[in-house]
C-alpha atoms as a PDB file:
ATOM      1  CA  UNK A   1      99.733  55.141  31.564  1.00  0.00           C
ATOM      2  CA  UNK A   2     100.364  51.650  30.226  1.00  0.00           C
ATOM      3  CA  UNK A   3      98.292  51.132  27.077  1.00  0.00           C
ATOM      4  CA  UNK A   4      98.829  47.487  26.259  1.00  0.00           C
ATOM      5  CA  UNK A   5      98.003  45.304  23.288  1.00  0.00           C
ATOM      6  CA  UNK A   6      95.880  42.403  24.525  1.00  0.00           C
ATOM      7  CA  UNK A   7      96.359  38.847  23.287  1.00  0.00           C
ATOM      8  CA  UNK A   8      92.804  37.476  23.278  1.00  0.00           C
ATOM      9  CA  UNK A   9      92.376  37.787  19.485  1.00  0.00           C
ATOM     10  CA  UNK A  10      95.623  35.868  18.988  1.00  0.00           C
ATOM     11  CA  UNK A  11      94.134  32.994  20.995  1.00  0.00           C
ATOM     12  CA  UNK A  12      90.737  33.313  19.348  1.00  0.00           C
ATOM     13  CA  UNK A  13      88.939  34.324  22.529  1.00  0.00           C
ATOM     14  CA  UNK A  14      85.692  36.250  22.276  1.00  0.00           C
ATOM     15  CA  UNK A  15      83.756  36.420  25.543  1.00  0.00           C
ATOM     16  CA  UNK A  16      80.525  37.991  24.307  1.00  0.00           C
ATOM     17  CA  UNK A  17      78.901  34.868  22.838  1.00  0.00           C
ATOM     18  CA  UNK A  18      79.622  31.316  23.882  1.00  0.00           C
ATOM     19  CA  UNK A  19      78.957  30.068  20.352  1.00  0.00           C
ATOM     20  CA  UNK A  20      81.651  32.430  19.074  1.00  0.00           C
ATOM     21  CA  UNK A  21      84.028  31.918  21.983  1.00  0.00           C
ATOM     22  CA  UNK A  22      86.785  30.804  19.638  1.00  0.00           C
ATOM     23  CA  UNK A  23      86.323  32.616  16.370  1.00  0.00           C
ATOM     24  CA  UNK A  24      88.033  30.683  13.606  1.00  0.00           C
ATOM     25  CA  UNK A  25      90.692  29.490  16.067  1.00  0.00           C
ATOM     26  CA  UNK A  26      92.122  32.985  16.393  1.00  0.00           C
ATOM     27  CA  UNK A  27      94.815  34.598  14.263  1.00  0.00           C
ATOM     28  CA  UNK A  28      96.771  31.622  12.996  1.00  0.00           C
ATOM     29  CA  UNK A  29      99.321  33.683  11.055  1.00  0.00           C
ATOM     30  CA  UNK A  30     101.935  34.679  13.632  1.00  0.00           C
ATOM     31  CA  UNK A  31     103.547  37.132  11.219  1.00  0.00           C
ATOM     32  CA  UNK A  32     100.218  38.962  10.954  1.00  0.00           C
ATOM     33  CA  UNK A  33      99.907  39.051  14.745  1.00  0.00           C
ATOM     34  CA  UNK A  34     103.430  40.500  14.946  1.00  0.00           C
ATOM     35  CA  UNK A  35     102.426  43.116  12.391  1.00  0.00           C
ATOM     36  CA  UNK A  36      99.362  44.057  14.465  1.00  0.00           C
ATOM     37  CA  UNK A  37     101.413  44.461  17.640  1.00  0.00           C
ATOM     38  CA  UNK A  38     103.965  46.691  15.881  1.00  0.00           C
ATOM     39  CA  UNK A  39     101.238  48.735  14.202  1.00  0.00           C
ATOM     40  CA  UNK A  40      99.558  49.147  17.587  1.00  0.00           C
ATOM     41  CA  UNK A  41     102.875  50.311  19.026  1.00  0.00           C
ATOM     42  CA  UNK A  42     103.149  52.917  16.269  1.00  0.00           C
ATOM     43  CA  UNK A  43      99.588  54.072  17.015  1.00  0.00           C
ATOM     44  CA  UNK A  44     100.223  54.616  20.717  1.00  0.00           C
ATOM     45  CA  UNK A  45     100.455  51.279  22.543  1.00  0.00           C
ATOM     46  CA  UNK A  46     103.507  50.956  24.781  1.00  0.00           C
ATOM     47  CA  UNK A  47     103.329  47.301  25.747  1.00  0.00           C
ATOM     48  CA  UNK A  48     101.892  43.827  25.290  1.00  0.00           C
ATOM     49  CA  UNK A  49      99.853  41.888  27.870  1.00  0.00           C
ATOM     50  CA  UNK A  50      99.830  38.172  27.160  1.00  0.00           C
ATOM     51  CA  UNK A  51      99.123  34.759  28.555  1.00  0.00           C
ATOM     52  CA  UNK A  52     102.293  32.747  28.021  1.00  0.00           C
ATOM     53  CA  UNK A  53     101.643  30.179  25.290  1.00  0.00           C
ATOM     54  CA  UNK A  54     103.349  28.811  22.210  1.00  0.00           C
ATOM     55  CA  UNK A  55     101.464  31.421  20.168  1.00  0.00           C
ATOM     56  CA  UNK A  56     102.399  34.466  22.232  1.00  0.00           C
ATOM     57  CA  UNK A  57     105.995  33.294  22.631  1.00  0.00           C
ATOM     58  CA  UNK A  58     106.244  33.190  18.838  1.00  0.00           C
ATOM     59  CA  UNK A  59     104.878  36.745  18.736  1.00  0.00           C
ATOM     60  CA  UNK A  60     107.484  37.858  21.291  1.00  0.00           C
ATOM     61  CA  UNK A  61     110.217  36.410  19.089  1.00  0.00           C
ATOM     62  CA  UNK A  62     108.758  38.324  16.172  1.00  0.00           C
ATOM     63  CA  UNK A  63     108.637  41.727  17.877  1.00  0.00           C
ATOM     64  CA  UNK A  64     111.822  41.623  19.982  1.00  0.00           C
ATOM     65  CA  UNK A  65     113.963  43.374  17.359  1.00  0.00           C
ATOM     66  CA  UNK A  66     111.255  45.889  16.469  1.00  0.00           C
ATOM     67  CA  UNK A  67     110.573  47.437  19.875  1.00  0.00           C
ATOM     68  CA  UNK A  68     112.630  49.439  22.348  1.00  0.00           C
ATOM     69  CA  UNK A  69     113.433  48.620  25.966  1.00  0.00           C
ATOM     70  CA  UNK A  70     110.560  50.756  27.236  1.00  0.00           C
ATOM     71  CA  UNK A  71     107.992  48.511  25.526  1.00  0.00           C
ATOM     72  CA  UNK A  72     106.270  46.828  28.487  1.00  0.00           C
ATOM     73  CA  UNK A  73     105.675  43.084  28.652  1.00  0.00           C
ATOM     74  CA  UNK A  74     103.025  41.966  31.128  1.00  0.00           C
ATOM     75  CA  UNK A  75     102.933  38.153  31.237  1.00  0.00           C
ATOM     76  CA  UNK A  76     100.196  35.980  32.743  1.00  0.00           C
ATOM     77  CA  UNK A  77     100.894  32.375  33.732  1.00  0.00           C
ATOM     78  CA  UNK A  78      99.930  29.723  33.054  1.00  0.00           C
ATOM     79  CA  UNK A  79      97.826  29.852  29.883  1.00  0.00           C
ATOM     80  CA  UNK A  80      95.351  27.535  31.541  1.00  0.00           C
ATOM     81  CA  UNK A  81      93.363  26.676  28.432  1.00  0.00           C
ATOM     82  CA  UNK A  82      96.471  25.325  26.727  1.00  0.00           C
ATOM     83  CA  UNK A  83      97.142  23.011  29.668  1.00  0.00           C
ATOM     84  CA  UNK A  84      93.491  21.910  29.752  1.00  0.00           C
ATOM     85  CA  UNK A  85      93.546  21.092  26.037  1.00  0.00           C
ATOM     86  CA  UNK A  86      96.710  19.035  26.484  1.00  0.00           C
ATOM     87  CA  UNK A  87      95.239  17.177  29.460  1.00  0.00           C
ATOM     88  CA  UNK A  88      92.303  16.021  27.320  1.00  0.00           C
ATOM     89  CA  UNK A  89      94.813  14.414  24.947  1.00  0.00           C
ATOM     90  CA  UNK A  90      97.403  12.921  27.302  1.00  0.00           C
ATOM     91  CA  UNK A  91      95.524  12.914  30.613  1.00  0.00           C
ATOM     92  CA  UNK A  92      96.522  14.595  33.853  1.00  0.00           C
ATOM     93  CA  UNK A  93      99.388  12.183  34.551  1.00  0.00           C
ATOM     94  CA  UNK A  94     100.655  12.622  31.015  1.00  0.00           C
ATOM     95  CA  UNK A  95     100.433  16.378  31.415  1.00  0.00           C
ATOM     96  CA  UNK A  96     102.514  16.265  34.609  1.00  0.00           C
ATOM     97  CA  UNK A  97     105.111  14.070  32.894  1.00  0.00           C
ATOM     98  CA  UNK A  98     105.266  16.459  29.938  1.00  0.00           C
ATOM     99  CA  UNK A  99     105.704  19.439  32.264  1.00  0.00           C
ATOM    100  CA  UNK A 100     108.534  17.721  34.154  1.00  0.00           C
ATOM    101  CA  UNK A 101     110.209  16.778  30.870  1.00  0.00           C
ATOM    102  CA  UNK A 102     109.902  20.355  29.627  1.00  0.00           C
ATOM    103  CA  UNK A 103     111.362  21.727  32.853  1.00  0.00           C
ATOM    104  CA  UNK A 104     114.264  19.280  32.615  1.00  0.00           C
ATOM    105  CA  UNK A 105     115.003  20.279  29.023  1.00  0.00           C
ATOM    106  CA  UNK A 106     115.318  23.940  30.018  1.00  0.00           C
ATOM    107  CA  UNK A 107     118.193  23.045  32.376  1.00  0.00           C
ATOM    108  CA  UNK A 108     116.769  25.695  34.701  1.00  0.00           C
ATOM    109  CA  UNK A 109     118.118  24.622  38.100  1.00  0.00           C
ATOM    110  CA  UNK A 110     115.527  26.619  40.067  1.00  0.00           C
ATOM    111  CA  UNK A 111     112.631  25.131  38.127  1.00  0.00           C
ATOM    112  CA  UNK A 112     114.049  21.599  38.353  1.00  0.00           C
ATOM    113  CA  UNK A 113     114.558  21.938  42.129  1.00  0.00           C
ATOM    114  CA  UNK A 114     111.010  23.126  42.786  1.00  0.00           C
ATOM    115  CA  UNK A 115     109.518  20.577  40.378  1.00  0.00           C
ATOM    116  CA  UNK A 116     111.369  17.796  42.208  1.00  0.00           C
ATOM    117  CA  UNK A 117     110.215  19.035  45.625  1.00  0.00           C
ATOM    118  CA  UNK A 118     106.660  19.368  44.371  1.00  0.00           C
ATOM    119  CA  UNK A 119     106.706  15.822  43.050  1.00  0.00           C
ATOM    120  CA  UNK A 120     108.226  14.323  46.195  1.00  0.00           C
ATOM    121  CA  UNK A 121     106.137  16.236  48.712  1.00  0.00           C
ATOM    122  CA  UNK A 122     103.001  16.937  46.665  1.00  0.00           C
ATOM    123  CA  UNK A 123     103.611  20.570  47.587  1.00  0.00           C
ATOM    124  CA  UNK A 124     101.433  23.104  45.768  1.00  0.00           C
ATOM    125  CA  UNK A 125     103.721  26.055  46.523  1.00  0.00           C
ATOM    126  CA  UNK A 126     106.753  24.306  45.069  1.00  0.00           C
ATOM    127  CA  UNK A 127     104.711  23.289  42.052  1.00  0.00           C
ATOM    128  CA  UNK A 128     103.740  26.892  41.413  1.00  0.00           C
ATOM    129  CA  UNK A 129     107.306  28.086  41.959  1.00  0.00           C
ATOM    130  CA  UNK A 130     108.478  25.545  39.373  1.00  0.00           C
ATOM    131  CA  UNK A 131     105.815  26.884  37.023  1.00  0.00           C
ATOM    132  CA  UNK A 132     107.008  30.462  37.608  1.00  0.00           C
ATOM    133  CA  UNK A 133     110.609  29.556  36.800  1.00  0.00           C
ATOM    134  CA  UNK A 134     109.653  27.502  33.761  1.00  0.00           C
ATOM    135  CA  UNK A 135     107.363  30.126  32.215  1.00  0.00           C
ATOM    136  CA  UNK A 136     109.742  32.960  33.073  1.00  0.00           C
ATOM    137  CA  UNK A 137     112.531  31.102  31.316  1.00  0.00           C
ATOM    138  CA  UNK A 138     110.343  30.683  28.223  1.00  0.00           C
ATOM    139  CA  UNK A 139     109.613  34.417  28.112  1.00  0.00           C
ATOM    140  CA  UNK A 140     113.274  35.344  28.531  1.00  0.00           C
ATOM    141  CA  UNK A 141     114.336  32.913  25.803  1.00  0.00           C
ATOM    142  CA  UNK A 142     111.737  34.307  23.399  1.00  0.00           C
ATOM    143  CA  UNK A 143     111.954  38.028  24.141  1.00  0.00           C
ATOM    144  CA  UNK A 144     115.529  38.346  25.378  1.00  0.00           C
ATOM    145  CA  UNK A 145     114.629  39.879  28.739  1.00  0.00           C
ATOM    146  CA  UNK A 146     112.343  39.476  31.728  1.00  0.00           C
ATOM    147  CA  UNK A 147     108.765  40.753  31.612  1.00  0.00           C
ATOM    148  CA  UNK A 148     107.917  43.865  33.617  1.00  0.00           C
ATOM    149  CA  UNK A 149     105.287  41.925  35.558  1.00  0.00           C
ATOM    150  CA  UNK A 150     104.465  38.246  35.939  1.00  0.00           C
ATOM    151  CA  UNK A 151     100.839  37.648  36.916  1.00  0.00           C
ATOM    152  CA  UNK A 152      99.142  34.543  38.222  1.00  0.00           C
ATOM    153  CA  UNK A 153      96.263  33.490  35.983  1.00  0.00           C
ATOM    154  CA  UNK A 154      92.707  33.995  37.181  1.00  0.00           C
ATOM    155  CA  UNK A 155      92.083  30.239  37.177  1.00  0.00           C
ATOM    156  CA  UNK A 156      94.693  29.835  39.926  1.00  0.00           C
ATOM    157  CA  UNK A 157      93.794  32.967  41.866  1.00  0.00           C
ATOM    158  CA  UNK A 158      90.009  32.733  41.703  1.00  0.00           C
ATOM    159  CA  UNK A 159      90.119  28.998  42.506  1.00  0.00           C
ATOM    160  CA  UNK A 160      92.575  28.932  45.410  1.00  0.00           C
ATOM    161  CA  UNK A 161      91.442  32.018  47.334  1.00  0.00           C
ATOM    162  CA  UNK A 162      87.831  30.870  47.944  1.00  0.00           C
ATOM    163  CA  UNK A 163      89.291  27.644  49.396  1.00  0.00           C
ATOM    164  CA  UNK A 164      91.330  29.601  51.921  1.00  0.00           C
ATOM    165  CA  UNK A 165      94.675  29.077  50.190  1.00  0.00           C
ATOM    166  CA  UNK A 166      95.646  32.741  50.330  1.00  0.00           C
ATOM    167  CA  UNK A 167      98.984  31.863  51.958  1.00  0.00           C
ATOM    168  CA  UNK A 168      99.898  29.915  48.820  1.00  0.00           C
ATOM    169  CA  UNK A 169      99.146  32.868  46.533  1.00  0.00           C
ATOM    170  CA  UNK A 170     101.012  35.304  48.799  1.00  0.00           C
ATOM    171  CA  UNK A 171     104.115  33.084  48.994  1.00  0.00           C
ATOM    172  CA  UNK A 172     104.257  32.634  45.224  1.00  0.00           C
ATOM    173  CA  UNK A 173     103.854  36.389  44.696  1.00  0.00           C
ATOM    174  CA  UNK A 174     106.771  36.950  47.098  1.00  0.00           C
ATOM    175  CA  UNK A 175     108.763  34.447  45.061  1.00  0.00           C
ATOM    176  CA  UNK A 176     108.036  36.353  41.839  1.00  0.00           C
ATOM    177  CA  UNK A 177     109.131  39.594  43.486  1.00  0.00           C
ATOM    178  CA  UNK A 178     112.333  37.863  44.587  1.00  0.00           C
ATOM    179  CA  UNK A 179     113.066  37.184  40.933  1.00  0.00           C
ATOM    180  CA  UNK A 180     113.220  40.955  40.319  1.00  0.00           C
ATOM    181  CA  UNK A 181     109.796  41.172  38.678  1.00  0.00           C
ATOM    182  CA  UNK A 182     106.642  43.022  39.699  1.00  0.00           C
ATOM    183  CA  UNK A 183     104.232  40.362  41.016  1.00  0.00           C
ATOM    184  CA  UNK A 184     100.664  40.438  39.819  1.00  0.00           C
ATOM    185  CA  UNK A 185      97.327  38.658  39.776  1.00  0.00           C
ATOM    186  CA  UNK A 186      94.617  38.429  37.157  1.00  0.00           C
ATOM    187  CA  UNK A 187      91.103  38.085  38.526  1.00  0.00           C
ATOM    188  CA  UNK A 188      87.464  38.558  37.699  1.00  0.00           C
ATOM    189  CA  UNK A 189      86.578  39.119  41.344  1.00  0.00           C
ATOM    190  CA  UNK A 190      88.830  42.022  42.249  1.00  0.00           C
ATOM    191  CA  UNK A 191      87.245  43.137  45.558  1.00  0.00           C
ATOM    192  CA  UNK A 192      87.371  39.621  47.033  1.00  0.00           C
ATOM    193  CA  UNK A 193      90.941  38.942  45.915  1.00  0.00           C
ATOM    194  CA  UNK A 194      92.214  42.284  47.179  1.00  0.00           C
ATOM    195  CA  UNK A 195      90.512  41.827  50.553  1.00  0.00           C
ATOM    196  CA  UNK A 196      92.077  38.371  50.875  1.00  0.00           C
ATOM    197  CA  UNK A 197      95.599  39.688  50.199  1.00  0.00           C
ATOM    198  CA  UNK A 198      95.440  43.087  51.885  1.00  0.00           C
ATOM    199  CA  UNK A 199      96.915  41.934  55.198  1.00  0.00           C
ATOM    200  CA  UNK A 200     100.000  40.412  53.562  1.00  0.00           C
ATOM    201  CA  UNK A 201     103.095  42.587  53.144  1.00  0.00           C
ATOM    202  CA  UNK A 202     103.311  41.636  49.451  1.00  0.00           C
ATOM    203  CA  UNK A 203     100.180  43.702  48.775  1.00  0.00           C
ATOM    204  CA  UNK A 204     102.336  46.840  48.553  1.00  0.00           C
ATOM    205  CA  UNK A 205     104.035  45.441  45.443  1.00  0.00           C
ATOM    206  CA  UNK A 206     101.233  43.541  43.694  1.00  0.00           C
ATOM    207  CA  UNK A 207      99.498  44.838  40.573  1.00  0.00           C
ATOM    208  CA  UNK A 208      96.100  43.581  39.464  1.00  0.00           C
ATOM    209  CA  UNK A 209      94.520  42.891  36.089  1.00  0.00           C
ATOM    210  CA  UNK A 210      90.737  42.771  35.991  1.00  0.00           C
ATOM    211  CA  UNK A 211      87.801  43.756  33.770  1.00  0.00           C
ATOM    212  CA  UNK A 212      87.029  47.476  33.767  1.00  0.00           C
ATOM    213  CA  UNK A 213      84.328  48.934  31.551  1.00  0.00           C
ATOM    214  CA  UNK A 214      81.297  51.193  31.501  1.00  0.00           C
ATOM    215  CA  UNK A 215      78.672  48.431  31.536  1.00  0.00           C
ATOM    216  CA  UNK A 216      80.097  46.235  34.293  1.00  0.00           C
ATOM    217  CA  UNK A 217      80.816  43.366  31.900  1.00  0.00           C
ATOM    218  CA  UNK A 218      82.546  40.536  33.824  1.00  0.00           C
ATOM    219  CA  UNK A 219      83.053  42.853  36.830  1.00  0.00           C
ATOM    220  CA  UNK A 220      82.024  40.664  39.768  1.00  0.00           C
ATOM    221  CA  UNK A 221      80.188  41.507  41.947  1.00  0.00           C
ATOM    222  CA  UNK A 222      79.509  44.956  40.424  1.00  0.00           C
ATOM    223  CA  UNK A 223      81.086  47.918  38.642  1.00  0.00           C
ATOM    224  CA  UNK A 224      80.752  50.279  41.574  1.00  0.00           C
ATOM    225  CA  UNK A 225      83.107  48.260  43.766  1.00  0.00           C
ATOM    226  CA  UNK A 226      85.744  48.283  41.010  1.00  0.00           C
ATOM    227  CA  UNK A 227      85.463  52.046  40.674  1.00  0.00           C
ATOM    228  CA  UNK A 228      85.823  52.369  44.446  1.00  0.00           C
ATOM    229  CA  UNK A 229      88.897  50.115  44.314  1.00  0.00           C
ATOM    230  CA  UNK A 230      90.763  52.209  41.728  1.00  0.00           C
ATOM    231  CA  UNK A 231      90.013  55.436  43.587  1.00  0.00           C
ATOM    232  CA  UNK A 232      91.280  54.019  46.867  1.00  0.00           C
ATOM    233  CA  UNK A 233      94.242  52.186  45.309  1.00  0.00           C
ATOM    234  CA  UNK A 234      95.679  54.354  42.527  1.00  0.00           C
ATOM    235  CA  UNK A 235      98.292  52.777  40.289  1.00  0.00           C
ATOM    236  CA  UNK A 236      97.227  49.227  41.104  1.00  0.00           C
ATOM    237  CA  UNK A 237      94.890  48.110  38.294  1.00  0.00           C
ATOM    238  CA  UNK A 238      95.354  47.279  34.642  1.00  0.00           C
ATOM    239  CA  UNK A 239      91.867  47.135  33.183  1.00  0.00           C
ATOM    240  CA  UNK A 240      90.930  44.704  30.438  1.00  0.00           C
ATOM    241  CA  UNK A 241      87.637  43.951  28.675  1.00  0.00           C
ATOM    242  CA  UNK A 242      87.520  47.726  28.260  1.00  0.00           C
ATOM    243  CA  UNK A 243      85.338  47.423  25.158  1.00  0.00           C
ATOM    244  CA  UNK A 244      83.149  44.812  26.889  1.00  0.00           C
ATOM    245  CA  UNK A 245      83.839  42.368  24.042  1.00  0.00           C
ATOM    246  CA  UNK A 246      82.350  44.749  21.496  1.00  0.00           C
ATOM    247  CA  UNK A 247      79.328  45.932  23.479  1.00  0.00           C
ATOM    248  CA  UNK A 248      80.859  49.422  23.589  1.00  0.00           C
ATOM    249  CA  UNK A 249      82.229  51.599  20.824  1.00  0.00           C
ATOM    250  CA  UNK A 250      85.902  52.517  21.253  1.00  0.00           C
ATOM    251  CA  UNK A 251      85.094  56.153  21.989  1.00  0.00           C
ATOM    252  CA  UNK A 252      82.355  55.393  24.518  1.00  0.00           C
ATOM    253  CA  UNK A 253      84.581  52.814  26.200  1.00  0.00           C
ATOM    254  CA  UNK A 254      87.628  55.047  26.401  1.00  0.00           C
ATOM    255  CA  UNK A 255      85.721  58.151  27.512  1.00  0.00           C
ATOM    256  CA  UNK A 256      84.550  56.104  30.506  1.00  0.00           C
ATOM    257  CA  UNK A 257      88.097  54.915  31.216  1.00  0.00           C
ATOM    258  CA  UNK A 258      89.354  58.491  30.906  1.00  0.00           C
ATOM    259  CA  UNK A 259      87.354  59.395  34.014  1.00  0.00           C
ATOM    260  CA  UNK A 260      89.772  57.174  35.953  1.00  0.00           C
ATOM    261  CA  UNK A 261      93.024  57.960  34.131  1.00  0.00           C
ATOM    262  CA  UNK A 262      94.565  59.433  37.282  1.00  0.00           C
ATOM    263  CA  UNK A 263      93.907  56.182  39.160  1.00  0.00           C
ATOM    264  CA  UNK A 264      94.431  53.355  36.667  1.00  0.00           C
ATOM    265  CA  UNK A 265      97.852  51.816  36.112  1.00  0.00           C
ATOM    266  CA  UNK A 266      96.910  50.923  32.556  1.00  0.00           C
ATOM    267  CA  UNK A 267      94.508  49.207  30.183  1.00  0.00           C
ATOM    268  CA  UNK A 268      94.714  46.340  27.703  1.00  0.00           C
ATOM    269  CA  UNK A 269      92.870  46.216  24.371  1.00  0.00           C
ATOM    270  CA  UNK A 270      92.921  43.408  21.825  1.00  0.00           C
ATOM    271  CA  UNK A 271      92.731  43.967  18.065  1.00  0.00           C
ATOM    272  CA  UNK A 272      92.324  41.381  15.318  1.00  0.00           C
ATOM    273  CA  UNK A 273      92.459  43.570  12.192  1.00  0.00           C
ATOM    274  CA  UNK A 274      94.574  46.459  10.947  1.00  0.00           C
ATOM    275  CA  UNK A 275      91.503  48.678  10.805  1.00  0.00           C
ATOM    276  CA  UNK A 276      91.064  48.397  14.562  1.00  0.00           C
ATOM    277  CA  UNK A 277      94.524  49.694  15.455  1.00  0.00           C
ATOM    278  CA  UNK A 278      93.233  53.284  15.530  1.00  0.00           C
ATOM    279  CA  UNK A 279      91.868  52.511  19.005  1.00  0.00           C
ATOM    280  CA  UNK A 280      95.380  52.943  20.423  1.00  0.00           C
ATOM    281  CA  UNK A 281      95.706  56.410  18.923  1.00  0.00           C
ATOM    282  CA  UNK A 282      92.342  57.321  20.444  1.00  0.00           C
ATOM    283  CA  UNK A 283      93.386  55.830  23.776  1.00  0.00           C
ATOM    284  CA  UNK A 284      96.586  57.887  23.799  1.00  0.00           C
ATOM    285  CA  UNK A 285      94.642  61.063  22.979  1.00  0.00           C
ATOM    286  CA  UNK A 286      92.083  60.516  25.760  1.00  0.00           C
ATOM    287  CA  UNK A 287      94.322  58.967  28.404  1.00  0.00           C
ATOM    288  CA  UNK A 288      97.639  60.696  27.818  1.00  0.00           C
END
């Protein structure tokens, strides 16, 4: 099973209380974040699940010489909150210009081609393909190799699918697969997203990342449907929010997950202090 280090603490994300949603701006010391990831690896983690951002790219550069080829990288794109923050500073038009400039600087022909088509035709699919190529290039430059999976961020998935734009998601997932990477989606409404994609051939190759915990925290519409999903679709789901943002103790959380260890593809757990790294040892003991 994939037992992945989550990146929320490195971005300062804490979902339990809105007033604490960004605790102290996250872990600002990248070297400390690198240390936590490597300590987690030594305790039993075998990968890192991250939203691609300047912060996590710096962490990838820090760990690349300290991990082996079997250390799994699961990347989520884009890191929507970073783009939103930038748009408040430079505006939407400024953000688009910055993205085009960044794509151009990478000299990535694929990304430049799709960015140009997107700009000329106002084509959403080409825009997302340009984003895929751009973010993939950033991961490869930082880590030295492709990620195992490239997932579309929940903001894209959970926004486009309710508006009937499933074809767009399916085409972009096919494009990711064509790049030799396992395509994936992050969502907080797993049953709806799966039902929308199930009639597309790409569904056989897609992996999902969604909340999975004993109290149903962030599991829309309910926990029971998520449990039914993993039983019917083994090897498809990487569960996150396993600890329900601190509502559950590590043992209680992982004993629940262990009931589904034959069905889950993996889990992701974030840690912000060295004293929390033991959770990966416990996870390995309970989950194998």
